[in-house]
Amino acid sequence: MKSSTTSLIGKCVIWTLSVCFLVTDGADIRCNGPLGYDVKPLTQGVWTFKAVNQSCLSGPNINATCNITLVFCSKISTKCGESSSACVEAFNYTGKNDSRSISIGNYAQEPFSLTGTVVTATFGMVPLKYNATTDCNLTTVVELNCNRQVEWKSNSNGTTAIPKSANLVPKFERKPTGECQYTIKADFAGACITIVPSLPVTELSAGTVLIIIFFVSISIYCIFGCTCNFVRGYKGQEIVPHFQFWVDLPVLVADGILFTFSCCRREPSAYDSI
């Protein structure tokens, strides 16, 4: 019995570790992007585009070509390293017909943010030696502008080229602070805010308010009136506040109605007419 219990516990531990590994190794389930924007298509694909010259992070006056790969909220399996989510695979990188793979962004658990009306994806910073003499820390930023006509549809297998209609523009620059930034601007339908219809605002009418006030007042009157009479020692019907008034109320109402309808009538004289 003891061995079977131990075996069962061992299987549970293995199953738990397997689930944890699958959840943490794949795409981050919390990668939802800014509220009201649909970034899900981005997280479902491996995206590529081609660039040339300094957009490949090569030195000046070098005719380089490259293929740049991006994945959002997960890690990419390339020559750029196990933690990379953005990779440049360049040819003729130094002008000597050489090839080089460079990581331009590490995995970020939640890369998406909103800057004004632009959806921004920021990858983790990586050290970069972008020419023969200068090193810098590189940050890759993808700026997505709203264009409802540009949908990014990923292939089920392999990589997907970013659509030409996205008007993609890459730019590498060195900031005055000494840091480097690789900015990729593109159009994307998911960068357009989704208009969620607001719930109808229901306002209480004046009649409803008066009815609520009436019933609340009656309830307070009955509760406090009965309590006061009970404290004073009244019992039975006398515990009802102003009991005699409520008993006489129907008779008083009837007298009022009779008086209202009889006020315009001419009462017959007590003397016979001659």
Protein backbone atom coordinates (compact mmCIF):
# COMPACT_ATOMS: atom_id res chain seq x y z
CA MET A 1 0.00 0.00 0.00
CA LYS A 2 2.84 2.34 0.89
CA SER A 3 4.69 1.70 -2.40
CA SER A 4 1.54 2.37 -4.48
CA THR A 5 0.96 5.65 -2.63
CA THR A 6 4.56 6.69 -3.21
CA SER A 7 4.25 5.81 -6.90
CA LEU A 8 1.06 7.86 -7.19
CA ILE A 9 2.70 10.88 -5.52
CA GLY A 10 5.68 10.54 -7.87
CA LYS A 11 3.41 10.53 -10.94
CA CYS A 12 1.59 13.62 -9.65
CA VAL A 13 4.88 15.44 -9.16
CA ILE A 14 6.06 14.53 -12.68
CA TRP A 15 2.71 15.59 -14.16
CA THR A 16 2.80 18.91 -12.28
CA LEU A 17 6.34 19.68 -13.41
CA SER A 18 5.41 18.80 -17.00
CA VAL A 19 2.46 21.18 -16.95
CA CYS A 20 4.60 23.96 -15.45
CA PHE A 21 7.23 23.42 -18.13
CA LEU A 22 4.68 23.54 -20.94
CA VAL A 23 3.08 26.70 -19.61
CA THR A 24 6.32 28.60 -19.03
CA ASP A 25 8.18 27.39 -22.13
CA GLY A 26 5.55 28.40 -24.69
CA ALA A 27 3.81 31.69 -25.36
CA ASP A 28 2.96 33.68 -22.28
CA ILE A 29 -0.73 33.22 -21.47
CA ARG A 30 -0.82 36.68 -19.85
CA CYS A 31 0.33 38.46 -23.02
CA ASN A 32 -2.92 40.28 -23.80
CA GLY A 33 -1.74 43.74 -24.78
CA PRO A 34 -3.44 47.05 -23.95
CA LEU A 35 -7.12 46.90 -23.08
CA GLY A 36 -9.29 47.34 -26.17
CA TYR A 37 -6.61 46.28 -28.70
CA ASP A 38 -6.29 42.90 -30.40
CA VAL A 39 -2.66 41.73 -30.38
CA LYS A 40 -3.54 38.03 -30.49
CA PRO A 41 -2.67 37.63 -34.21
CA LEU A 42 0.86 38.84 -33.46
CA THR A 43 1.42 36.22 -30.77
CA GLN A 44 0.33 33.37 -33.05
CA GLY A 45 3.05 33.67 -35.68
CA VAL A 46 6.77 33.90 -36.43
CA TRP A 47 7.14 37.09 -38.48
CA THR A 48 9.89 37.92 -40.95
CA PHE A 49 10.88 40.77 -43.24
CA LYS A 50 13.89 41.61 -45.39
CA ALA A 51 16.12 44.64 -44.94
CA VAL A 52 19.32 46.06 -46.40
CA ASN A 53 22.43 48.04 -45.40
CA GLN A 54 22.30 49.74 -41.99
CA SER A 55 18.85 48.29 -41.28
CA CYS A 56 20.82 45.05 -40.97
CA LEU A 57 22.97 46.72 -38.27
CA SER A 58 26.02 46.67 -40.56
CA GLY A 59 28.55 49.45 -40.75
CA PRO A 60 28.26 52.46 -43.05
CA ASN A 61 28.85 52.04 -46.79
CA ILE A 62 28.36 48.29 -46.60
CA ASN A 63 25.85 46.64 -48.92
CA ALA A 64 24.42 44.08 -46.53
CA THR A 65 21.20 42.14 -46.83
CA CYS A 66 19.39 40.40 -44.02
CA ASN A 67 16.34 38.53 -42.91
CA ILE A 68 14.82 39.74 -39.62
CA THR A 69 12.63 37.47 -37.52
CA LEU A 70 10.26 38.59 -34.74
CA VAL A 71 8.13 36.66 -32.28
CA PHE A 72 5.96 38.22 -29.59
CA CYS A 73 5.53 36.82 -26.09
CA SER A 74 7.64 33.74 -26.74
CA LYS A 75 11.21 32.74 -27.56
CA ILE A 76 12.48 32.01 -31.04
CA SER A 77 14.57 28.97 -31.88
CA THR A 78 17.34 30.45 -34.07
CA LYS A 79 21.09 30.94 -34.10
CA CYS A 80 20.62 34.15 -32.12
CA GLY A 81 20.36 32.45 -28.75
CA GLU A 82 17.85 30.70 -26.52
CA SER A 83 16.49 33.92 -24.97
CA SER A 84 16.02 35.82 -28.20
CA SER A 85 12.68 37.03 -29.55
CA ALA A 86 14.12 39.20 -32.35
CA CYS A 87 16.92 38.07 -34.64
CA VAL A 88 18.87 39.44 -37.61
CA GLU A 89 20.47 36.96 -40.01
CA ALA A 90 22.72 39.11 -42.18
CA PHE A 91 24.84 38.41 -45.27
CA ASN A 92 27.91 40.51 -46.16
CA TYR A 93 27.70 42.00 -42.69
CA THR A 94 31.22 43.44 -42.70
CA GLY A 95 31.60 43.72 -46.49
CA LYS A 96 33.60 40.48 -46.74
CA ASN A 97 30.78 38.19 -47.88
CA ASP A 98 30.42 36.93 -44.32
CA SER A 99 27.23 35.88 -42.58
CA ARG A 100 26.25 36.71 -39.04
CA SER A 101 23.29 36.08 -36.73
CA ILE A 102 22.61 38.80 -34.18
CA SER A 103 20.05 38.93 -31.43
CA ILE A 104 18.38 42.36 -31.39
CA GLY A 105 15.87 41.66 -28.63
CA ASN A 106 15.38 39.24 -25.77
CA TYR A 107 12.14 37.65 -24.66
CA ALA A 108 9.79 39.96 -22.74
CA GLN A 109 6.91 38.54 -20.75
CA GLU A 110 4.58 41.44 -21.53
CA PRO A 111 6.11 43.50 -24.37
CA PHE A 112 3.00 45.44 -25.36
CA SER A 113 2.12 48.92 -24.15
CA LEU A 114 0.21 51.94 -25.41
CA THR A 115 2.02 55.17 -26.32
CA GLY A 116 -0.63 57.71 -27.22
CA THR A 117 -2.56 55.97 -30.00
CA VAL A 118 0.33 53.68 -31.00
CA VAL A 119 0.59 50.10 -29.78
CA THR A 120 4.23 49.47 -28.89
CA ALA A 121 6.07 46.18 -28.42
CA THR A 122 9.42 46.51 -26.63
CA PHE A 123 11.83 43.58 -26.55
CA GLY A 124 14.39 42.97 -23.83
CA MET A 125 17.66 44.90 -24.08
CA VAL A 126 20.71 43.14 -25.53
CA PRO A 127 24.40 44.16 -25.76
CA LEU A 128 25.43 44.90 -29.34
CA LYS A 129 28.69 45.63 -31.14
CA TYR A 130 27.16 47.33 -34.13
CA ASN A 131 30.43 48.24 -35.83
CA ALA A 132 34.12 47.47 -35.45
CA THR A 133 34.76 49.86 -32.59
CA THR A 134 31.56 50.78 -30.75
CA ASP A 135 29.44 48.79 -28.33
CA CYS A 136 25.99 49.75 -27.07
CA ASN A 137 22.96 48.33 -25.36
CA LEU A 138 20.27 47.79 -27.98
CA THR A 139 16.53 48.04 -27.50
CA THR A 140 14.22 46.95 -30.30
CA VAL A 141 10.82 48.63 -30.43
CA VAL A 142 7.96 47.77 -32.79
CA GLU A 143 5.51 50.65 -33.26
CA LEU A 144 2.15 49.53 -34.64
CA ASN A 145 -0.14 52.13 -36.20
CA CYS A 146 -3.86 51.68 -36.72
CA ASN A 147 -4.89 50.53 -40.20
CA ARG A 148 -8.01 48.37 -40.31
CA GLN A 149 -7.16 47.16 -43.81
CA VAL A 150 -3.88 45.50 -42.78
CA GLU A 151 -4.37 42.10 -41.17
CA TRP A 152 -1.42 39.98 -40.07
CA LYS A 153 -2.38 36.36 -40.80
CA SER A 154 0.18 33.78 -39.73
CA ASN A 155 0.86 30.48 -41.45
CA SER A 156 0.13 27.35 -39.48
CA ASN A 157 3.65 26.06 -40.13
CA GLY A 158 6.94 27.92 -40.41
CA THR A 159 7.43 31.66 -40.69
CA THR A 160 5.18 34.34 -42.16
CA ALA A 161 6.33 37.39 -44.07
CA ILE A 162 4.92 40.63 -42.71
CA PRO A 163 2.43 41.86 -45.35
CA LYS A 164 3.70 44.54 -47.74
CA SER A 165 0.59 46.59 -47.04
CA ALA A 166 1.93 47.10 -43.49
CA ASN A 167 4.28 49.81 -44.89
CA LEU A 168 7.08 48.54 -42.66
CA VAL A 169 9.94 50.98 -42.01
CA PRO A 170 12.99 49.84 -39.95
CA LYS A 171 15.41 52.36 -38.50
CA PHE A 172 18.57 51.97 -36.44
CA GLU A 173 19.81 54.93 -34.42
CA ARG A 174 22.16 55.76 -31.61
CA LYS A 175 20.71 58.00 -28.89
CA PRO A 176 22.61 60.87 -27.22
CA THR A 177 22.68 58.77 -24.04
CA GLY A 178 24.90 56.24 -25.79
CA GLU A 179 22.14 53.62 -26.05
CA CYS A 180 21.01 52.18 -29.37
CA GLN A 181 17.48 51.64 -30.60
CA TYR A 182 16.12 49.66 -33.51
CA THR A 183 12.65 50.94 -34.37
CA ILE A 184 10.27 49.07 -36.64
CA LYS A 185 7.17 50.99 -37.71
CA ALA A 186 4.28 49.13 -39.33
CA ASP A 187 0.53 49.25 -39.85
CA PHE A 188 -1.66 46.68 -38.12
CA ALA A 189 -5.42 46.25 -37.86
CA GLY A 190 -5.15 45.13 -34.23
CA ALA A 191 -3.67 48.53 -33.34
CA CYS A 192 -7.10 50.07 -33.88
CA ILE A 193 -9.07 50.30 -30.68
CA THR A 194 -12.10 48.06 -30.48
CA ILE A 195 -15.18 50.09 -29.64
CA VAL A 196 -17.03 48.24 -26.91
CA PRO A 197 -20.66 49.39 -26.58
CA SER A 198 -21.22 50.76 -23.13
CA LEU A 199 -24.00 49.46 -20.97
CA PRO A 200 -27.18 51.55 -21.13
CA VAL A 201 -27.40 54.00 -18.28
CA THR A 202 -30.73 53.56 -16.52
CA GLU A 203 -31.98 56.59 -14.64
CA LEU A 204 -34.84 56.47 -12.18
CA SER A 205 -37.87 58.54 -13.12
CA ALA A 206 -39.39 61.06 -10.70
CA GLY A 207 -42.36 58.75 -10.11
CA THR A 208 -40.09 55.84 -9.22
CA VAL A 209 -38.16 58.00 -6.78
CA LEU A 210 -41.38 59.17 -5.10
CA ILE A 211 -42.64 55.58 -4.79
CA ILE A 212 -39.34 54.49 -3.22
CA ILE A 213 -39.46 57.41 -0.77
CA PHE A 214 -43.08 56.61 0.10
CA PHE A 215 -42.46 52.94 0.90
CA VAL A 216 -39.24 53.70 2.78
CA SER A 217 -41.06 56.31 4.87
CA ILE A 218 -43.93 53.92 5.63
CA SER A 219 -41.44 51.23 6.66
CA ILE A 220 -39.56 53.60 8.97
CA TYR A 221 -42.83 54.88 10.43
CA CYS A 222 -44.12 51.36 11.19
CA ILE A 223 -40.84 50.05 12.59
CA PHE A 224 -40.11 52.99 14.88
CA GLY A 225 -43.75 53.48 15.84
CA CYS A 226 -44.24 49.84 16.85
CA THR A 227 -40.93 49.88 18.71
CA CYS A 228 -41.88 52.98 20.70
CA ASN A 229 -45.32 51.60 21.60
CA PHE A 230 -43.80 48.28 22.63
CA VAL A 231 -41.33 50.06 24.92
CA ARG A 232 -44.23 52.02 26.44
CA GLY A 233 -45.99 48.78 27.30
CA TYR A 234 -48.73 48.72 24.67
CA LYS A 235 -49.91 45.30 23.51
CA GLY A 236 -52.13 43.83 20.82
CA GLN A 237 -53.69 46.30 18.38
CA GLU A 238 -52.48 49.26 20.42
CA ILE A 239 -48.90 48.52 19.45
CA VAL A 240 -49.70 49.85 15.94
CA PRO A 241 -48.74 53.56 15.85
CA HIS A 242 -51.81 55.84 15.83
CA PHE A 243 -54.06 52.81 15.79
CA GLN A 244 -57.32 54.76 16.30
CA PHE A 245 -56.50 57.11 13.42
CA TRP A 246 -55.98 54.21 11.01
CA VAL A 247 -59.27 52.61 12.17
CA ASP A 248 -61.17 55.85 11.55
CA LEU A 249 -59.41 56.62 8.27
CA PRO A 250 -61.86 54.74 5.97
CA VAL A 251 -64.82 56.50 7.61
CA LEU A 252 -63.08 59.87 7.29
CA VAL A 253 -62.35 59.22 3.62
CA ALA A 254 -65.97 58.24 2.97
CA ASP A 255 -67.21 61.41 4.71
CA GLY A 256 -64.84 63.49 2.62
CA ILE A 257 -66.11 61.93 -0.62
CA LEU A 258 -69.74 62.47 0.37
CA PHE A 259 -69.02 66.07 1.29
CA THR A 260 -67.21 66.71 -2.02
CA PHE A 261 -70.08 65.37 -4.13
CA SER A 262 -72.82 67.00 -2.08
CA CYS A 263 -71.35 70.51 -1.82
CA CYS A 264 -72.83 71.59 -5.15
CA ARG A 265 -76.25 70.15 -4.53
CA ARG A 266 -79.07 72.39 -3.32
CA GLU A 267 -80.53 70.99 -0.13
CA PRO A 268 -84.35 70.88 -0.04
CA SER A 269 -85.96 73.49 2.24
CA ALA A 270 -87.55 72.37 5.45
CA TYR A 271 -90.70 74.51 4.62
CA ASP A 272 -93.21 73.62 1.98
CA SER A 273 -93.45 76.13 -0.80
CA ILE A 274 -96.64 78.23 -0.84
